[in-house]
Amino acid sequence: MTLNLEKRLLTVDEYHRMGEVGILKSVERIELLNGEIIKRNFLDSKHASHIKRLNALMFKLVGELMTISVQDPITLNKYSEPEPDLALLKLSKFFYAN
């Protein structure tokens, strides 16, 4: 007998709501990818050092031409909000507050 199980994917809005009501804790290293909550790897000092070096290099290369985002969530679509180590963003006078 074969069971056909259907996944129920979470939207970014539902993911945020789960954090607001305390289902997800802000100290958890998780992100939403393709509608699924994914546990992120532990950030060790070597990894953190690489991120800092890349951040310094990117600042030298793009200066004030772009916003450098370090381990911040980026909403890609209805079902994905990853938190990349480093991202280069178009300038926004509100610094992506919305």
PDB file of N, CA and C in Angstrom:
ATOM      1  N   MET A   1       0.855  -1.178   0.000  1.00  0.00           N
ATOM      2  CA  MET A   1       0.000   0.000   0.000  1.00  0.00           C
ATOM      3  C   MET A   1       0.901   1.241   0.000  1.00  0.00           C
ATOM      4  N   THR A   2       0.677   2.136  -0.931  1.00  0.00           N
ATOM      5  CA  THR A   2       1.465   3.353  -1.040  1.00  0.00           C
ATOM      6  C   THR A   2       0.653   4.525  -0.521  1.00  0.00           C
ATOM      7  N   LEU A   3       1.285   5.302   0.351  1.00  0.00           N
ATOM      8  CA  LEU A   3       0.655   6.508   0.868  1.00  0.00           C
ATOM      9  C   LEU A   3       1.175   7.704   0.099  1.00  0.00           C
ATOM     10  N   ASN A   4       0.286   8.545  -0.321  1.00  0.00           N
ATOM     11  CA  ASN A   4       0.677   9.798  -0.945  1.00  0.00           C
ATOM     12  C   ASN A   4       0.501  10.908   0.083  1.00  0.00           C
ATOM     13  N   LEU A   5       1.614  11.357   0.637  1.00  0.00           N
ATOM     14  CA  LEU A   5       1.565  12.414   1.637  1.00  0.00           C
ATOM     15  C   LEU A   5       1.821  13.756   0.971  1.00  0.00           C
ATOM     16  N   GLU A   6       0.992  14.716   1.306  1.00  0.00           N
ATOM     17  CA  GLU A   6       1.136  16.046   0.726  1.00  0.00           C
ATOM     18  C   GLU A   6       1.739  16.979   1.763  1.00  0.00           C
ATOM     19  N   LYS A   7       2.801  17.674   1.381  1.00  0.00           N
ATOM     20  CA  LYS A   7       3.424  18.632   2.287  1.00  0.00           C
ATOM     21  C   LYS A   7       2.573  19.887   2.357  1.00  0.00           C
ATOM     22  N   ARG A   8       2.560  20.485   3.519  1.00  0.00           N
ATOM     23  CA  ARG A   8       1.912  21.790   3.714  1.00  0.00           C
ATOM     24  C   ARG A   8       3.048  22.797   3.880  1.00  0.00           C
ATOM     25  N   LEU A   9       3.310  23.596   2.865  1.00  0.00           N
ATOM     26  CA  LEU A   9       4.402  24.547   2.899  1.00  0.00           C
ATOM     27  C   LEU A   9       3.993  25.805   3.648  1.00  0.00           C
ATOM     28  N   LEU A  10       4.941  26.362   4.366  1.00  0.00           N
ATOM     29  CA  LEU A  10       4.706  27.608   5.087  1.00  0.00           C
ATOM     30  C   LEU A  10       5.039  28.792   4.192  1.00  0.00           C
ATOM     31  N   THR A  11       4.265  29.851   4.340  1.00  0.00           N
ATOM     32  CA  THR A  11       4.596  31.096   3.648  1.00  0.00           C
ATOM     33  C   THR A  11       5.488  31.934   4.564  1.00  0.00           C
ATOM     34  N   VAL A  12       6.105  32.942   3.991  1.00  0.00           N
ATOM     35  CA  VAL A  12       6.935  33.853   4.784  1.00  0.00           C
ATOM     36  C   VAL A  12       6.084  34.530   5.854  1.00  0.00           C
ATOM     37  N   ASP A  13       4.865  34.924   5.522  1.00  0.00           N
ATOM     38  CA  ASP A  13       3.981  35.565   6.503  1.00  0.00           C
ATOM     39  C   ASP A  13       3.673  34.626   7.672  1.00  0.00           C
ATOM     40  N   GLU A  14       3.394  33.356   7.377  1.00  0.00           N
ATOM     41  CA  GLU A  14       3.113  32.379   8.443  1.00  0.00           C
ATOM     42  C   GLU A  14       4.359  32.152   9.306  1.00  0.00           C
ATOM     43  N   TYR A  15       5.500  32.089   8.661  1.00  0.00           N
ATOM     44  CA  TYR A  15       6.780  31.925   9.358  1.00  0.00           C
ATOM     45  C   TYR A  15       7.007  33.085  10.332  1.00  0.00           C
ATOM     46  N   HIS A  16       6.761  34.309   9.878  1.00  0.00           N
ATOM     47  CA  HIS A  16       6.910  35.475  10.745  1.00  0.00           C
ATOM     48  C   HIS A  16       5.932  35.414  11.913  1.00  0.00           C
ATOM     49  N   ARG A  17       4.706  35.024  11.606  1.00  0.00           N
ATOM     50  CA  ARG A  17       3.676  34.934  12.664  1.00  0.00           C
ATOM     51  C   ARG A  17       4.075  33.911  13.726  1.00  0.00           C
ATOM     52  N   MET A  18       4.669  32.809  13.323  1.00  0.00           N
ATOM     53  CA  MET A  18       5.124  31.788  14.276  1.00  0.00           C
ATOM     54  C   MET A  18       6.178  32.375  15.219  1.00  0.00           C
ATOM     55  N   GLY A  19       7.009  33.262  14.721  1.00  0.00           N
ATOM     56  CA  GLY A  19       7.981  33.938  15.572  1.00  0.00           C
ATOM     57  C   GLY A  19       7.320  34.935  16.510  1.00  0.00           C
ATOM     58  N   GLU A  20       6.344  35.668  15.999  1.00  0.00           N
ATOM     59  CA  GLU A  20       5.637  36.671  16.796  1.00  0.00           C
ATOM     60  C   GLU A  20       4.907  36.064  17.983  1.00  0.00           C
ATOM     61  N   VAL A  21       4.320  34.892  17.811  1.00  0.00           N
ATOM     62  CA  VAL A  21       3.541  34.279  18.898  1.00  0.00           C
ATOM     63  C   VAL A  21       4.382  33.337  19.763  1.00  0.00           C
ATOM     64  N   GLY A  22       5.673  33.207  19.444  1.00  0.00           N
ATOM     65  CA  GLY A  22       6.569  32.429  20.301  1.00  0.00           C
ATOM     66  C   GLY A  22       6.752  30.973  19.933  1.00  0.00           C
ATOM     67  N   ILE A  23       6.173  30.533  18.817  1.00  0.00           N
ATOM     68  CA  ILE A  23       6.373  29.144  18.395  1.00  0.00           C
ATOM     69  C   ILE A  23       7.830  28.943  17.989  1.00  0.00           C
ATOM     70  N   LEU A  24       8.368  29.914  17.287  1.00  0.00           N
ATOM     71  CA  LEU A  24       9.790  29.904  16.918  1.00  0.00           C
ATOM     72  C   LEU A  24      10.505  30.922  17.790  1.00  0.00           C
ATOM     73  N   LYS A  25      11.668  30.575  18.281  1.00  0.00           N
ATOM     74  CA  LYS A  25      12.454  31.458  19.151  1.00  0.00           C
ATOM     75  C   LYS A  25      13.510  32.183  18.332  1.00  0.00           C
ATOM     76  N   SER A  26      13.768  33.431  18.665  1.00  0.00           N
ATOM     77  CA  SER A  26      14.739  34.231  17.911  1.00  0.00           C
ATOM     78  C   SER A  26      16.162  33.689  18.037  1.00  0.00           C
ATOM     79  N   VAL A  27      16.434  32.900  19.067  1.00  0.00           N
ATOM     80  CA  VAL A  27      17.785  32.344  19.236  1.00  0.00           C
ATOM     81  C   VAL A  27      18.012  31.096  18.391  1.00  0.00           C
ATOM     82  N   GLU A  28      16.939  30.541  17.810  1.00  0.00           N
ATOM     83  CA  GLU A  28      17.084  29.359  16.962  1.00  0.00           C
ATOM     84  C   GLU A  28      17.743  29.752  15.651  1.00  0.00           C
ATOM     85  N   ARG A  29      18.664  28.944  15.185  1.00  0.00           N
ATOM     86  CA  ARG A  29      19.344  29.196  13.900  1.00  0.00           C
ATOM     87  C   ARG A  29      18.584  28.461  12.807  1.00  0.00           C
ATOM     88  N   ILE A  30      17.525  29.108  12.330  1.00  0.00           N
ATOM     89  CA  ILE A  30      16.663  28.509  11.308  1.00  0.00           C
ATOM     90  C   ILE A  30      16.393  29.543  10.215  1.00  0.00           C
ATOM     91  N   GLU A  31      15.933  29.050   9.081  1.00  0.00           N
ATOM     92  CA  GLU A  31      15.501  29.919   7.995  1.00  0.00           C
ATOM     93  C   GLU A  31      14.434  29.193   7.194  1.00  0.00           C
ATOM     94  N   LEU A  32      13.675  29.950   6.427  1.00  0.00           N
ATOM     95  CA  LEU A  32      12.609  29.372   5.612  1.00  0.00           C
ATOM     96  C   LEU A  32      13.092  29.251   4.172  1.00  0.00           C
ATOM     97  N   LEU A  33      13.141  28.011   3.673  1.00  0.00           N
ATOM     98  CA  LEU A  33      13.574  27.750   2.304  1.00  0.00           C
ATOM     99  C   LEU A  33      12.529  26.879   1.615  1.00  0.00           C
ATOM    100  N   ASN A  34      11.979  27.381   0.528  1.00  0.00           N
ATOM    101  CA  ASN A  34      10.979  26.644  -0.244  1.00  0.00           C
ATOM    102  C   ASN A  34       9.830  26.132   0.624  1.00  0.00           C
ATOM    103  N   GLY A  35       9.404  26.961   1.578  1.00  0.00           N
ATOM    104  CA  GLY A  35       8.263  26.620   2.416  1.00  0.00           C
ATOM    105  C   GLY A  35       8.575  25.717   3.594  1.00  0.00           C
ATOM    106  N   GLU A  36       9.836  25.347   3.772  1.00  0.00           N
ATOM    107  CA  GLU A  36      10.225  24.452   4.861  1.00  0.00           C
ATOM    108  C   GLU A  36      11.192  25.155   5.812  1.00  0.00           C
ATOM    109  N   ILE A  37      11.028  24.899   7.096  1.00  0.00           N
ATOM    110  CA  ILE A  37      11.936  25.455   8.093  1.00  0.00           C
ATOM    111  C   ILE A  37      13.187  24.581   8.122  1.00  0.00           C
ATOM    112  N   ILE A  38      14.325  25.229   7.872  1.00  0.00           N
ATOM    113  CA  ILE A  38      15.593  24.522   7.794  1.00  0.00           C
ATOM    114  C   ILE A  38      16.499  24.991   8.925  1.00  0.00           C
ATOM    115  N   LYS A  39      17.099  24.043   9.618  1.00  0.00           N
ATOM    116  CA  LYS A  39      18.044  24.370  10.679  1.00  0.00           C
ATOM    117  C   LYS A  39      19.377  24.743  10.051  1.00  0.00           C
ATOM    118  N   ARG A  40      19.923  25.876  10.456  1.00  0.00           N
ATOM    119  CA  ARG A  40      21.196  26.344   9.926  1.00  0.00           C
ATOM    120  C   ARG A  40      22.350  25.729  10.706  1.00  0.00           C
ATOM    121  N   ASN A  41      23.490  25.646  10.058  1.00  0.00           N
ATOM    122  CA  ASN A  41      24.684  25.097  10.700  1.00  0.00           C
ATOM    123  C   ASN A  41      25.178  26.017  11.813  1.00  0.00           C
ATOM    124  N   PHE A  42      25.894  25.414  12.731  1.00  0.00           N
ATOM    125  CA  PHE A  42      26.523  26.160  13.819  1.00  0.00           C
ATOM    126  C   PHE A  42      27.564  27.110  13.232  1.00  0.00           C
ATOM    127  N   LEU A  43      27.615  28.308  13.720  1.00  0.00           N
ATOM    128  CA  LEU A  43      28.562  29.313  13.233  1.00  0.00           C
ATOM    129  C   LEU A  43      29.796  29.294  14.132  1.00  0.00           C
ATOM    130  N   ASP A  44      30.879  28.686  13.636  1.00  0.00           N
ATOM    131  CA  ASP A  44      32.107  28.648  14.435  1.00  0.00           C
ATOM    132  C   ASP A  44      32.960  29.882  14.156  1.00  0.00           C
ATOM    133  N   SER A  45      34.034  30.047  14.912  1.00  0.00           N
ATOM    134  CA  SER A  45      34.856  31.255  14.799  1.00  0.00           C
ATOM    135  C   SER A  45      35.537  31.363  13.439  1.00  0.00           C
ATOM    136  N   LYS A  46      35.901  30.243  12.830  1.00  0.00           N
ATOM    137  CA  LYS A  46      36.538  30.284  11.507  1.00  0.00           C
ATOM    138  C   LYS A  46      35.555  30.807  10.459  1.00  0.00           C
ATOM    139  N   HIS A  47      34.340  30.298  10.493  1.00  0.00           N
ATOM    140  CA  HIS A  47      33.302  30.752   9.565  1.00  0.00           C
ATOM    141  C   HIS A  47      33.029  32.237   9.778  1.00  0.00           C
ATOM    142  N   ALA A  48      32.894  32.644  11.036  1.00  0.00           N
ATOM    143  CA  ALA A  48      32.633  34.047  11.362  1.00  0.00           C
ATOM    144  C   ALA A  48      33.766  34.937  10.858  1.00  0.00           C
ATOM    145  N   SER A  49      34.994  34.455  10.974  1.00  0.00           N
ATOM    146  CA  SER A  49      36.151  35.205  10.498  1.00  0.00           C
ATOM    147  C   SER A  49      36.091  35.408   8.983  1.00  0.00           C
ATOM    148  N   HIS A  50      35.706  34.365   8.253  1.00  0.00           N
ATOM    149  CA  HIS A  50      35.577  34.475   6.794  1.00  0.00           C
ATOM    150  C   HIS A  50      34.512  35.510   6.415  1.00  0.00           C
ATOM    151  N   ILE A  51      33.426  35.526   7.147  1.00  0.00           N
ATOM    152  CA  ILE A  51      32.358  36.491   6.877  1.00  0.00           C
ATOM    153  C   ILE A  51      32.867  37.912   7.096  1.00  0.00           C
ATOM    154  N   LYS A  52      33.607  38.112   8.180  1.00  0.00           N
ATOM    155  CA  LYS A  52      34.154  39.441   8.461  1.00  0.00           C
ATOM    156  C   LYS A  52      35.131  39.882   7.366  1.00  0.00           C
ATOM    157  N   ARG A  53      35.959  38.950   6.890  1.00  0.00           N
ATOM    158  CA  ARG A  53      36.906  39.273   5.823  1.00  0.00           C
ATOM    159  C   ARG A  53      36.179  39.635   4.532  1.00  0.00           C
ATOM    160  N   LEU A  54      35.157  38.846   4.192  1.00  0.00           N
ATOM    161  CA  LEU A  54      34.376  39.151   2.987  1.00  0.00           C
ATOM    162  C   LEU A  54      33.666  40.497   3.106  1.00  0.00           C
ATOM    163  N   ASN A  55      33.152  40.790   4.286  1.00  0.00           N
ATOM    164  CA  ASN A  55      32.480  42.062   4.512  1.00  0.00           C
ATOM    165  C   ASN A  55      33.459  43.219   4.293  1.00  0.00           C
ATOM    166  N   ALA A  56      34.654  43.112   4.831  1.00  0.00           N
ATOM    167  CA  ALA A  56      35.669  44.155   4.658  1.00  0.00           C
ATOM    168  C   ALA A  56      36.044  44.305   3.183  1.00  0.00           C
ATOM    169  N   LEU A  57      36.213  43.193   2.484  1.00  0.00           N
ATOM    170  CA  LEU A  57      36.561  43.228   1.068  1.00  0.00           C
ATOM    171  C   LEU A  57      35.441  43.868   0.245  1.00  0.00           C
ATOM    172  N   MET A  58      34.205  43.472   0.504  1.00  0.00           N
ATOM    173  CA  MET A  58      33.076  44.032  -0.229  1.00  0.00           C
ATOM    174  C   MET A  58      32.965  45.535   0.013  1.00  0.00           C
ATOM    175  N   PHE A  59      33.224  45.975   1.239  1.00  0.00           N
ATOM    176  CA  PHE A  59      33.157  47.408   1.524  1.00  0.00           C
ATOM    177  C   PHE A  59      34.212  48.163   0.710  1.00  0.00           C
ATOM    178  N   LYS A  60      35.404  47.582   0.583  1.00  0.00           N
ATOM    179  CA  LYS A  60      36.451  48.212  -0.230  1.00  0.00           C
ATOM    180  C   LYS A  60      36.033  48.274  -1.700  1.00  0.00           C
ATOM    181  N   LEU A  61      35.359  47.237  -2.186  1.00  0.00           N
ATOM    182  CA  LEU A  61      34.989  47.162  -3.599  1.00  0.00           C
ATOM    183  C   LEU A  61      33.779  48.015  -3.963  1.00  0.00           C
ATOM    184  N   VAL A  62      32.764  48.015  -3.111  1.00  0.00           N
ATOM    185  CA  VAL A  62      31.520  48.722  -3.467  1.00  0.00           C
ATOM    186  C   VAL A  62      31.271  49.956  -2.614  1.00  0.00           C
ATOM    187  N   GLY A  63      32.003  50.092  -1.515  1.00  0.00           N
ATOM    188  CA  GLY A  63      31.873  51.274  -0.666  1.00  0.00           C
ATOM    189  C   GLY A  63      30.442  51.639  -0.381  1.00  0.00           C
ATOM    190  N   GLU A  64      30.071  52.835  -0.780  1.00  0.00           N
ATOM    191  CA  GLU A  64      28.710  53.318  -0.535  1.00  0.00           C
ATOM    192  C   GLU A  64      27.805  53.177  -1.746  1.00  0.00           C
ATOM    193  N   LEU A  65      28.230  52.368  -2.718  1.00  0.00           N
ATOM    194  CA  LEU A  65      27.420  52.157  -3.922  1.00  0.00           C
ATOM    195  C   LEU A  65      26.319  51.125  -3.704  1.00  0.00           C
ATOM    196  N   MET A  66      26.511  50.273  -2.718  1.00  0.00           N
ATOM    197  CA  MET A  66      25.540  49.220  -2.419  1.00  0.00           C
ATOM    198  C   MET A  66      25.443  49.064  -0.905  1.00  0.00           C
ATOM    199  N   THR A  67      24.401  48.378  -0.477  1.00  0.00           N
ATOM    200  CA  THR A  67      24.269  48.017   0.930  1.00  0.00           C
ATOM    201  C   THR A  67      24.819  46.609   1.109  1.00  0.00           C
ATOM    202  N   ILE A  68      25.671  46.442   2.099  1.00  0.00           N
ATOM    203  CA  ILE A  68      26.213  45.123   2.408  1.00  0.00           C
ATOM    204  C   ILE A  68      25.391  44.559   3.563  1.00  0.00           C
ATOM    205  N   SER A  69      24.757  43.456   3.315  1.00  0.00           N
ATOM    206  CA  SER A  69      23.904  42.804   4.310  1.00  0.00           C
ATOM    207  C   SER A  69      24.623  41.570   4.841  1.00  0.00           C
ATOM    208  N   VAL A  70      24.779  41.499   6.158  1.00  0.00           N
ATOM    209  CA  VAL A  70      25.491  40.382   6.778  1.00  0.00           C
ATOM    210  C   VAL A  70      24.518  39.581   7.643  1.00  0.00           C
ATOM    211  N   GLN A  71      24.263  38.350   7.237  1.00  0.00           N
ATOM    212  CA  GLN A  71      23.410  37.401   7.948  1.00  0.00           C
ATOM    213  C   GLN A  71      22.037  37.970   8.299  1.00  0.00           C
ATOM    214  N   ASP A  72      21.466  38.706   7.353  1.00  0.00           N
ATOM    215  CA  ASP A  72      20.124  39.256   7.517  1.00  0.00           C
ATOM    216  C   ASP A  72      19.151  38.494   6.630  1.00  0.00           C
ATOM    217  N   PRO A  73      17.886  38.384   7.056  1.00  0.00           N
ATOM    218  CA  PRO A  73      16.904  37.701   6.215  1.00  0.00           C
ATOM    219  C   PRO A  73      16.597  38.494   4.950  1.00  0.00           C
ATOM    220  N   ILE A  74      16.408  37.763   3.856  1.00  0.00           N
ATOM    221  CA  ILE A  74      16.058  38.372   2.576  1.00  0.00           C
ATOM    222  C   ILE A  74      14.863  37.604   2.015  1.00  0.00           C
ATOM    223  N   THR A  75      13.736  38.277   1.884  1.00  0.00           N
ATOM    224  CA  THR A  75      12.550  37.626   1.332  1.00  0.00           C
ATOM    225  C   THR A  75      12.698  37.524  -0.177  1.00  0.00           C
ATOM    226  N   LEU A  76      12.760  36.287  -0.673  1.00  0.00           N
ATOM    227  CA  LEU A  76      12.925  36.050  -2.103  1.00  0.00           C
ATOM    228  C   LEU A  76      11.591  35.888  -2.816  1.00  0.00           C
ATOM    229  N   ASN A  77      10.649  35.227  -2.144  1.00  0.00           N
ATOM    230  CA  ASN A  77       9.329  34.996  -2.710  1.00  0.00           C
ATOM    231  C   ASN A  77       8.384  34.618  -1.571  1.00  0.00           C
ATOM    232  N   LYS A  78       7.216  34.141  -1.903  1.00  0.00           N
ATOM    233  CA  LYS A  78       6.194  33.805  -0.899  1.00  0.00           C
ATOM    234  C   LYS A  78       6.635  32.712   0.076  1.00  0.00           C
ATOM    235  N   TYR A  79       7.579  31.845  -0.357  1.00  0.00           N
ATOM    236  CA  TYR A  79       7.948  30.681   0.440  1.00  0.00           C
ATOM    237  C   TYR A  79       9.408  30.626   0.896  1.00  0.00           C
ATOM    238  N   SER A  80      10.191  31.655   0.608  1.00  0.00           N
ATOM    239  CA  SER A  80      11.610  31.591   0.965  1.00  0.00           C
ATOM    240  C   SER A  80      12.122  32.900   1.548  1.00  0.00           C
ATOM    241  N   GLU A  81      12.756  32.772   2.699  1.00  0.00           N
ATOM    242  CA  GLU A  81      13.413  33.899   3.341  1.00  0.00           C
ATOM    243  C   GLU A  81      14.726  33.406   3.959  1.00  0.00           C
ATOM    244  N   PRO A  82      15.730  33.196   3.104  1.00  0.00           N
ATOM    245  CA  PRO A  82      17.022  32.732   3.625  1.00  0.00           C
ATOM    246  C   PRO A  82      17.752  33.853   4.358  1.00  0.00           C
ATOM    247  N   GLU A  83      18.786  33.468   5.085  1.00  0.00           N
ATOM    248  CA  GLU A  83      19.649  34.420   5.779  1.00  0.00           C
ATOM    249  C   GLU A  83      21.081  34.157   5.326  1.00  0.00           C
ATOM    250  N   PRO A  84      21.438  34.688   4.143  1.00  0.00           N
ATOM    251  CA  PRO A  84      22.777  34.424   3.624  1.00  0.00           C
ATOM    252  C   PRO A  84      23.858  35.078   4.484  1.00  0.00           C
ATOM    253  N   ASP A  85      25.045  34.494   4.453  1.00  0.00           N
ATOM    254  CA  ASP A  85      26.157  35.071   5.201  1.00  0.00           C
ATOM    255  C   ASP A  85      26.422  36.500   4.759  1.00  0.00           C
ATOM    256  N   LEU A  86      26.355  36.731   3.455  1.00  0.00           N
ATOM    257  CA  LEU A  86      26.652  38.050   2.911  1.00  0.00           C
ATOM    258  C   LEU A  86      25.820  38.270   1.655  1.00  0.00           C
ATOM    259  N   ALA A  87      25.273  39.473   1.511  1.00  0.00           N
ATOM    260  CA  ALA A  87      24.521  39.810   0.308  1.00  0.00           C
ATOM    261  C   ALA A  87      24.788  41.261  -0.051  1.00  0.00           C
ATOM    262  N   LEU A  88      24.864  41.532  -1.338  1.00  0.00           N
ATOM    263  CA  LEU A  88      24.997  42.895  -1.824  1.00  0.00           C
ATOM    264  C   LEU A  88      23.628  43.341  -2.322  1.00  0.00           C
ATOM    265  N   LEU A  89      23.141  44.449  -1.783  1.00  0.00           N
ATOM    266  CA  LEU A  89      21.798  44.933  -2.087  1.00  0.00           C
ATOM    267  C   LEU A  89      21.852  46.312  -2.741  1.00  0.00           C
ATOM    268  N   LYS A  90      20.867  46.580  -3.586  1.00  0.00           N
ATOM    269  CA  LYS A  90      20.726  47.926  -4.134  1.00  0.00           C
ATOM    270  C   LYS A  90      20.525  48.903  -2.978  1.00  0.00           C
ATOM    271  N   LEU A  91      21.005  50.122  -3.153  1.00  0.00           N
ATOM    272  CA  LEU A  91      20.809  51.133  -2.115  1.00  0.00           C
ATOM    273  C   LEU A  91      19.325  51.417  -1.919  1.00  0.00           C
ATOM    274  N   SER A  92      18.953  51.597  -0.676  1.00  0.00           N
ATOM    275  CA  SER A  92      17.587  51.965  -0.312  1.00  0.00           C
ATOM    276  C   SER A  92      17.684  53.024   0.782  1.00  0.00           C
ATOM    277  N   LYS A  93      17.024  54.155   0.572  1.00  0.00           N
ATOM    278  CA  LYS A  93      17.143  55.225   1.576  1.00  0.00           C
ATOM    279  C   LYS A  93      16.562  54.814   2.924  1.00  0.00           C
ATOM    280  N   PHE A  94      15.724  53.784   2.946  1.00  0.00           N
ATOM    281  CA  PHE A  94      15.154  53.299   4.209  1.00  0.00           C
ATOM    282  C   PHE A  94      15.879  52.057   4.720  1.00  0.00           C
ATOM    283  N   PHE A  95      16.966  51.653   4.039  1.00  0.00           N
ATOM    284  CA  PHE A  95      17.768  50.497   4.436  1.00  0.00           C
ATOM    285  C   PHE A  95      16.921  49.239   4.649  1.00  0.00           C
ATOM    286  N   TYR A  96      15.946  49.045   3.766  1.00  0.00           N
ATOM    287  CA  TYR A  96      15.124  47.831   3.746  1.00  0.00           C
ATOM    288  C   TYR A  96      14.331  47.632   5.049  1.00  0.00           C
ATOM    289  N   ALA A  97      13.869  48.726   5.634  1.00  0.00           N
ATOM    290  CA  ALA A  97      13.067  48.620   6.847  1.00  0.00           C
ATOM    291  C   ALA A  97      11.753  47.884   6.594  1.00  0.00           C
ATOM    292  N   ASN A  98      11.267  47.924   5.369  1.00  0.00           N
ATOM    293  CA  ASN A  98      10.020  47.243   5.023  1.00  0.00           C
ATOM    294  C   ASN A  98      10.308  46.006   4.214  1.00  0.00           C
TER     295      ASN A  98
END
